[in-house]
Amino acid sequence: MPRAERADSMRAIEARIDSLPVPLDDVMNVAPEILQGEIPDSLPAFTGVHVGASDRFWVERWPAEGMGSSRYYDVLEYDGRYAGTVVVPEPLLADPPPFFGEEVIVGVVVDPVTGVHTVVVLRFRMPG
């Protein structure tokens, strides 16, 4: 995990713990790493799995260092065959969940400055 991201994550965890109305020991189901004040050394391989309208699976990868504004989706056919990778130029909100169609993705993005939510339609073509 990049040093800056790790430090940012630790600050976010500490702020979250500080905001709890009870001691951390009183919170149920806390990960042992959090109780020990540690976070993993590596980022997860992916952040989500979505099922598209054409029965394809969309596996959302963790953004590579320096690519935090883009999202990479590895697309798998229903039988597990790799169909390709689609790059989305900005993160889509998880709620409401994005729609993954045959050649279109519809989702909601948030302007980082104004906080305004906007529906976006992104067209793509699978290699093939």
N, C-alpha and C. Protein backbone atom coordinates (compact mmCIF):
# COMPACT_ATOMS: atom_id res chain seq x y z
N MET A 1 0.86 -1.17 0.00
CA MET A 1 0.00 0.00 0.00
C MET A 1 0.90 1.23 0.00
N PRO A 2 0.62 2.18 -0.87
CA PRO A 2 1.42 3.41 -0.90
C PRO A 2 1.40 4.11 0.46
N ARG A 3 2.54 4.68 0.85
CA ARG A 3 2.69 5.31 2.16
C ARG A 3 1.64 6.38 2.45
N ALA A 4 1.38 7.25 1.47
CA ALA A 4 0.42 8.33 1.67
C ALA A 4 -0.99 7.78 1.90
N GLU A 5 -1.36 6.75 1.12
CA GLU A 5 -2.69 6.15 1.30
C GLU A 5 -2.79 5.45 2.64
N ARG A 6 -1.74 4.79 3.05
CA ARG A 6 -1.73 4.09 4.34
C ARG A 6 -1.91 5.11 5.48
N ALA A 7 -1.18 6.22 5.42
CA ALA A 7 -1.28 7.25 6.45
C ALA A 7 -2.68 7.86 6.46
N ASP A 8 -3.24 8.10 5.27
CA ASP A 8 -4.59 8.64 5.17
C ASP A 8 -5.61 7.67 5.76
N SER A 9 -5.44 6.39 5.48
CA SER A 9 -6.34 5.37 6.02
C SER A 9 -6.25 5.32 7.54
N MET A 10 -5.05 5.39 8.07
CA MET A 10 -4.89 5.38 9.53
C MET A 10 -5.56 6.59 10.18
N ARG A 11 -5.40 7.76 9.56
CA ARG A 11 -6.06 8.96 10.09
C ARG A 11 -7.59 8.79 10.05
N ALA A 12 -8.11 8.23 8.98
CA ALA A 12 -9.55 8.03 8.86
C ALA A 12 -10.06 7.03 9.91
N ILE A 13 -9.32 5.97 10.13
CA ILE A 13 -9.71 4.98 11.15
C ILE A 13 -9.68 5.62 12.53
N GLU A 14 -8.62 6.35 12.82
CA GLU A 14 -8.51 7.00 14.13
C GLU A 14 -9.65 8.00 14.35
N ALA A 15 -10.00 8.76 13.32
CA ALA A 15 -11.10 9.72 13.44
C ALA A 15 -12.42 8.99 13.67
N ARG A 16 -12.60 7.89 12.98
CA ARG A 16 -13.83 7.10 13.16
C ARG A 16 -13.91 6.55 14.57
N ILE A 17 -12.81 6.02 15.07
CA ILE A 17 -12.78 5.49 16.45
C ILE A 17 -13.04 6.60 17.45
N ASP A 18 -12.43 7.76 17.24
CA ASP A 18 -12.62 8.90 18.14
C ASP A 18 -14.08 9.37 18.16
N SER A 19 -14.82 9.14 17.08
CA SER A 19 -16.21 9.61 17.01
C SER A 19 -17.20 8.63 17.66
N LEU A 20 -16.72 7.45 18.05
CA LEU A 20 -17.62 6.47 18.66
C LEU A 20 -18.13 6.98 20.01
N PRO A 21 -19.41 6.74 20.30
CA PRO A 21 -19.96 7.20 21.59
C PRO A 21 -19.60 6.26 22.75
N VAL A 22 -18.97 5.12 22.44
CA VAL A 22 -18.58 4.14 23.46
C VAL A 22 -17.13 3.75 23.22
N PRO A 23 -16.47 3.16 24.20
CA PRO A 23 -15.10 2.68 23.97
C PRO A 23 -15.07 1.59 22.88
N LEU A 24 -13.98 1.54 22.15
CA LEU A 24 -13.84 0.57 21.07
C LEU A 24 -14.03 -0.86 21.57
N ASP A 25 -13.60 -1.15 22.78
CA ASP A 25 -13.76 -2.50 23.35
C ASP A 25 -15.23 -2.90 23.51
N ASP A 26 -16.13 -1.91 23.54
CA ASP A 26 -17.56 -2.20 23.69
C ASP A 26 -18.27 -2.42 22.35
N VAL A 27 -17.56 -2.22 21.25
CA VAL A 27 -18.15 -2.38 19.92
C VAL A 27 -18.01 -3.84 19.50
N MET A 28 -19.11 -4.40 18.99
CA MET A 28 -19.09 -5.80 18.56
C MET A 28 -18.53 -5.94 17.15
N ASN A 29 -17.91 -7.08 16.89
CA ASN A 29 -17.43 -7.48 15.55
C ASN A 29 -16.38 -6.55 14.96
N VAL A 30 -15.53 -6.00 15.79
CA VAL A 30 -14.44 -5.16 15.29
C VAL A 30 -13.31 -6.10 14.85
N ALA A 31 -12.75 -5.82 13.69
CA ALA A 31 -11.65 -6.64 13.17
C ALA A 31 -10.47 -6.59 14.14
N PRO A 32 -9.80 -7.73 14.33
CA PRO A 32 -8.64 -7.75 15.24
C PRO A 32 -7.57 -6.73 14.87
N GLU A 33 -7.38 -6.48 13.58
CA GLU A 33 -6.37 -5.50 13.15
C GLU A 33 -6.70 -4.10 13.67
N ILE A 34 -7.97 -3.77 13.67
CA ILE A 34 -8.39 -2.46 14.16
C ILE A 34 -8.15 -2.36 15.66
N LEU A 35 -8.49 -3.43 16.38
CA LEU A 35 -8.27 -3.44 17.83
C LEU A 35 -6.79 -3.30 18.17
N GLN A 36 -5.92 -3.82 17.30
CA GLN A 36 -4.48 -3.74 17.52
C GLN A 36 -3.86 -2.47 16.94
N GLY A 37 -4.70 -1.63 16.30
CA GLY A 37 -4.20 -0.38 15.71
C GLY A 37 -3.39 -0.60 14.45
N GLU A 38 -3.72 -1.64 13.70
CA GLU A 38 -2.98 -1.96 12.48
C GLU A 38 -3.94 -1.99 11.30
N ILE A 39 -3.39 -1.81 10.11
CA ILE A 39 -4.15 -2.03 8.90
C ILE A 39 -3.29 -2.91 7.99
N PRO A 40 -3.91 -3.61 7.04
CA PRO A 40 -3.14 -4.50 6.17
C PRO A 40 -2.05 -3.75 5.40
N ASP A 41 -1.01 -4.49 5.02
CA ASP A 41 0.10 -3.91 4.25
C ASP A 41 -0.24 -3.74 2.77
N SER A 42 -1.25 -4.46 2.31
CA SER A 42 -1.60 -4.39 0.89
C SER A 42 -3.08 -4.07 0.73
N LEU A 43 -3.40 -3.51 -0.41
CA LEU A 43 -4.79 -3.21 -0.74
C LEU A 43 -5.46 -4.48 -1.27
N PRO A 44 -6.78 -4.58 -1.15
CA PRO A 44 -7.45 -5.75 -1.70
C PRO A 44 -7.33 -5.75 -3.23
N ALA A 45 -7.44 -6.92 -3.81
CA ALA A 45 -7.32 -7.04 -5.26
C ALA A 45 -8.50 -6.39 -5.97
N PHE A 46 -9.68 -6.41 -5.36
CA PHE A 46 -10.85 -5.81 -5.99
C PHE A 46 -11.75 -5.21 -4.92
N THR A 47 -12.62 -4.30 -5.37
CA THR A 47 -13.49 -3.60 -4.42
C THR A 47 -14.95 -3.97 -4.58
N GLY A 48 -15.30 -4.68 -5.64
CA GLY A 48 -16.69 -5.05 -5.81
C GLY A 48 -16.89 -5.96 -6.99
N VAL A 49 -17.99 -6.69 -6.96
CA VAL A 49 -18.39 -7.54 -8.07
C VAL A 49 -19.83 -7.19 -8.41
N HIS A 50 -20.10 -6.98 -9.68
CA HIS A 50 -21.43 -6.61 -10.15
C HIS A 50 -21.85 -7.60 -11.24
N VAL A 51 -23.15 -7.81 -11.37
CA VAL A 51 -23.67 -8.64 -12.45
C VAL A 51 -24.34 -7.72 -13.45
N GLY A 52 -23.93 -7.82 -14.69
CA GLY A 52 -24.48 -6.97 -15.74
C GLY A 52 -25.73 -7.56 -16.36
N ALA A 53 -26.39 -6.75 -17.17
CA ALA A 53 -27.64 -7.16 -17.81
C ALA A 53 -27.43 -8.32 -18.77
N SER A 54 -26.25 -8.48 -19.31
CA SER A 54 -25.99 -9.56 -20.27
C SER A 54 -25.37 -10.77 -19.58
N ASP A 55 -25.60 -10.90 -18.27
CA ASP A 55 -25.06 -12.01 -17.47
C ASP A 55 -23.54 -12.02 -17.40
N ARG A 56 -22.93 -10.89 -17.65
CA ARG A 56 -21.49 -10.76 -17.46
C ARG A 56 -21.23 -10.33 -16.02
N PHE A 57 -20.07 -10.70 -15.52
CA PHE A 57 -19.64 -10.28 -14.19
C PHE A 57 -18.64 -9.15 -14.36
N TRP A 58 -18.83 -8.09 -13.60
CA TRP A 58 -17.96 -6.92 -13.64
C TRP A 58 -17.21 -6.87 -12.32
N VAL A 59 -15.90 -7.13 -12.38
CA VAL A 59 -15.06 -7.15 -11.18
C VAL A 59 -14.33 -5.82 -11.11
N GLU A 60 -14.68 -5.02 -10.10
CA GLU A 60 -14.09 -3.68 -9.95
C GLU A 60 -12.79 -3.79 -9.19
N ARG A 61 -11.69 -3.42 -9.87
CA ARG A 61 -10.37 -3.48 -9.25
C ARG A 61 -10.12 -2.27 -8.37
N TRP A 62 -9.25 -2.46 -7.39
CA TRP A 62 -8.77 -1.33 -6.58
C TRP A 62 -7.96 -0.44 -7.50
N PRO A 63 -8.14 0.88 -7.47
CA PRO A 63 -7.38 1.75 -8.38
C PRO A 63 -5.87 1.64 -8.13
N ALA A 64 -5.11 1.63 -9.20
CA ALA A 64 -3.65 1.60 -9.08
C ALA A 64 -3.17 2.94 -8.53
N GLU A 65 -1.99 2.95 -7.94
CA GLU A 65 -1.44 4.18 -7.36
C GLU A 65 -1.41 5.27 -8.43
N GLY A 66 -1.93 6.43 -8.06
CA GLY A 66 -1.96 7.56 -8.97
C GLY A 66 -3.14 7.55 -9.92
N MET A 67 -3.97 6.51 -9.86
CA MET A 67 -5.12 6.38 -10.76
C MET A 67 -6.43 6.40 -9.98
N GLY A 68 -6.44 7.04 -8.83
CA GLY A 68 -7.60 7.01 -7.94
C GLY A 68 -8.88 7.54 -8.54
N SER A 69 -8.79 8.38 -9.57
CA SER A 69 -10.01 8.92 -10.15
C SER A 69 -10.62 7.97 -11.18
N SER A 70 -9.87 7.02 -11.70
CA SER A 70 -10.39 6.06 -12.68
C SER A 70 -10.77 4.76 -11.99
N ARG A 71 -11.66 4.01 -12.62
CA ARG A 71 -12.04 2.69 -12.12
C ARG A 71 -11.87 1.68 -13.25
N TYR A 72 -11.33 0.54 -12.90
CA TYR A 72 -11.08 -0.52 -13.86
C TYR A 72 -12.00 -1.69 -13.55
N TYR A 73 -12.71 -2.16 -14.56
CA TYR A 73 -13.60 -3.30 -14.42
C TYR A 73 -13.12 -4.41 -15.35
N ASP A 74 -12.76 -5.55 -14.76
CA ASP A 74 -12.46 -6.74 -15.56
C ASP A 74 -13.79 -7.44 -15.78
N VAL A 75 -14.12 -7.66 -17.04
CA VAL A 75 -15.42 -8.21 -17.40
C VAL A 75 -15.25 -9.69 -17.75
N LEU A 76 -16.07 -10.51 -17.10
CA LEU A 76 -16.05 -11.96 -17.32
C LEU A 76 -17.39 -12.41 -17.88
N GLU A 77 -17.34 -13.33 -18.83
CA GLU A 77 -18.57 -13.93 -19.35
C GLU A 77 -19.18 -14.80 -18.26
N TYR A 78 -20.42 -15.20 -18.44
CA TYR A 78 -21.13 -15.99 -17.42
C TYR A 78 -20.40 -17.28 -17.08
N ASP A 79 -19.59 -17.80 -18.01
CA ASP A 79 -18.87 -19.05 -17.76
C ASP A 79 -17.45 -18.81 -17.23
N GLY A 80 -17.13 -17.55 -16.93
CA GLY A 80 -15.83 -17.23 -16.34
C GLY A 80 -14.76 -16.79 -17.32
N ARG A 81 -15.02 -16.87 -18.62
CA ARG A 81 -14.03 -16.42 -19.61
C ARG A 81 -13.86 -14.91 -19.55
N TYR A 82 -12.62 -14.46 -19.62
CA TYR A 82 -12.30 -13.04 -19.62
C TYR A 82 -12.80 -12.40 -20.92
N ALA A 83 -13.60 -11.34 -20.81
CA ALA A 83 -14.14 -10.66 -21.99
C ALA A 83 -13.38 -9.38 -22.30
N GLY A 84 -12.74 -8.78 -21.30
CA GLY A 84 -12.01 -7.54 -21.51
C GLY A 84 -12.03 -6.68 -20.27
N THR A 85 -11.41 -5.52 -20.38
CA THR A 85 -11.36 -4.56 -19.28
C THR A 85 -11.95 -3.25 -19.76
N VAL A 86 -12.80 -2.66 -18.94
CA VAL A 86 -13.41 -1.38 -19.25
C VAL A 86 -12.92 -0.38 -18.20
N VAL A 87 -12.43 0.77 -18.66
CA VAL A 87 -11.95 1.82 -17.76
C VAL A 87 -13.00 2.93 -17.72
N VAL A 88 -13.43 3.25 -16.51
CA VAL A 88 -14.40 4.32 -16.28
C VAL A 88 -13.61 5.50 -15.72
N PRO A 89 -13.80 6.71 -16.29
CA PRO A 89 -12.95 7.84 -15.91
C PRO A 89 -13.15 8.40 -14.51
N GLU A 90 -14.22 8.01 -13.83
CA GLU A 90 -14.44 8.49 -12.48
C GLU A 90 -15.23 7.47 -11.68
N PRO A 91 -15.12 7.50 -10.36
CA PRO A 91 -15.82 6.51 -9.55
C PRO A 91 -17.33 6.68 -9.62
N LEU A 92 -18.03 5.56 -9.70
CA LEU A 92 -19.49 5.55 -9.68
C LEU A 92 -19.94 5.21 -8.26
N LEU A 93 -21.00 5.86 -7.81
CA LEU A 93 -21.53 5.55 -6.49
C LEU A 93 -22.03 4.11 -6.43
N ALA A 94 -21.92 3.51 -5.26
CA ALA A 94 -22.44 2.16 -5.06
C ALA A 94 -23.94 2.19 -4.78
N ASP A 95 -24.43 3.34 -4.30
CA ASP A 95 -25.84 3.48 -3.98
C ASP A 95 -26.35 4.79 -4.56
N PRO A 96 -27.13 4.76 -5.62
CA PRO A 96 -27.69 3.59 -6.26
C PRO A 96 -26.62 2.85 -7.06
N PRO A 97 -26.77 1.52 -7.17
CA PRO A 97 -25.76 0.75 -7.90
C PRO A 97 -25.78 1.08 -9.39
N PRO A 98 -24.60 1.03 -10.01
CA PRO A 98 -24.56 1.29 -11.45
C PRO A 98 -25.23 0.16 -12.23
N PHE A 99 -25.67 0.49 -13.44
CA PHE A 99 -26.24 -0.50 -14.37
C PHE A 99 -25.19 -0.80 -15.41
N PHE A 100 -24.90 -2.07 -15.63
CA PHE A 100 -23.91 -2.50 -16.62
C PHE A 100 -24.65 -3.21 -17.74
N GLY A 101 -24.75 -2.55 -18.89
CA GLY A 101 -25.44 -3.11 -20.04
C GLY A 101 -24.46 -3.72 -21.04
N GLU A 102 -24.98 -4.05 -22.21
CA GLU A 102 -24.18 -4.68 -23.26
C GLU A 102 -23.09 -3.74 -23.77
N GLU A 103 -23.42 -2.46 -23.96
CA GLU A 103 -22.44 -1.47 -24.45
C GLU A 103 -22.58 -0.13 -23.74
N VAL A 104 -23.17 -0.15 -22.53
CA VAL A 104 -23.40 1.09 -21.80
C VAL A 104 -23.34 0.83 -20.30
N ILE A 105 -22.83 1.82 -19.59
CA ILE A 105 -22.86 1.81 -18.12
C ILE A 105 -23.59 3.08 -17.71
N VAL A 106 -24.55 2.95 -16.82
CA VAL A 106 -25.27 4.11 -16.30
C VAL A 106 -25.02 4.14 -14.80
N GLY A 107 -24.58 5.28 -14.30
CA GLY A 107 -24.30 5.38 -12.89
C GLY A 107 -24.39 6.82 -12.41
N VAL A 108 -24.12 7.00 -11.13
CA VAL A 108 -24.17 8.32 -10.52
C VAL A 108 -22.77 8.68 -10.04
N VAL A 109 -22.36 9.91 -10.34
CA VAL A 109 -21.07 10.42 -9.86
C VAL A 109 -21.33 11.65 -8.99
N VAL A 110 -20.35 11.98 -8.16
CA VAL A 110 -20.46 13.15 -7.29
C VAL A 110 -19.35 14.12 -7.64
N ASP A 111 -19.72 15.37 -7.88
CA ASP A 111 -18.72 16.40 -8.13
C ASP A 111 -17.95 16.63 -6.83
N PRO A 112 -16.62 16.48 -6.85
CA PRO A 112 -15.84 16.59 -5.61
C PRO A 112 -15.84 18.00 -5.00
N VAL A 113 -16.13 19.00 -5.79
CA VAL A 113 -16.12 20.37 -5.29
C VAL A 113 -17.50 20.77 -4.74
N THR A 114 -18.54 20.51 -5.54
CA THR A 114 -19.88 20.98 -5.17
C THR A 114 -20.71 19.93 -4.42
N GLY A 115 -20.33 18.64 -4.58
CA GLY A 115 -21.12 17.57 -3.97
C GLY A 115 -22.38 17.24 -4.75
N VAL A 116 -22.55 17.83 -5.93
CA VAL A 116 -23.73 17.59 -6.75
C VAL A 116 -23.65 16.20 -7.38
N HIS A 117 -24.77 15.47 -7.31
CA HIS A 117 -24.87 14.14 -7.92
C HIS A 117 -25.35 14.29 -9.36
N THR A 118 -24.73 13.54 -10.26
CA THR A 118 -25.08 13.59 -11.67
C THR A 118 -25.17 12.17 -12.22
N VAL A 119 -26.20 11.91 -13.02
CA VAL A 119 -26.31 10.62 -13.70
C VAL A 119 -25.45 10.69 -14.96
N VAL A 120 -24.61 9.67 -15.17
CA VAL A 120 -23.76 9.63 -16.36
C VAL A 120 -24.07 8.37 -17.15
N VAL A 121 -23.95 8.49 -18.46
CA VAL A 121 -24.11 7.36 -19.37
C VAL A 121 -22.78 7.20 -20.09
N LEU A 122 -22.13 6.07 -19.90
CA LEU A 122 -20.82 5.81 -20.49
C LEU A 122 -20.95 4.69 -21.51
N ARG A 123 -20.58 4.97 -22.73
CA ARG A 123 -20.64 3.96 -23.78
C ARG A 123 -19.26 3.32 -23.96
N PHE A 124 -19.25 2.04 -24.27
CA PHE A 124 -18.00 1.32 -24.47
C PHE A 124 -18.24 0.20 -25.47
N ARG A 125 -17.17 -0.38 -25.95
CA ARG A 125 -17.27 -1.52 -26.85
C ARG A 125 -16.27 -2.56 -26.37
N MET A 126 -16.76 -3.76 -26.12
CA MET A 126 -15.89 -4.85 -25.69
C MET A 126 -15.02 -5.27 -26.87
N PRO A 127 -13.74 -5.54 -26.60
CA PRO A 127 -12.89 -6.04 -27.70
C PRO A 127 -13.42 -7.40 -28.15
N GLY A 128 -13.27 -7.68 -29.40
CA GLY A 128 -13.74 -8.98 -29.73
C GLY A 128 -13.94 -9.32 -31.08
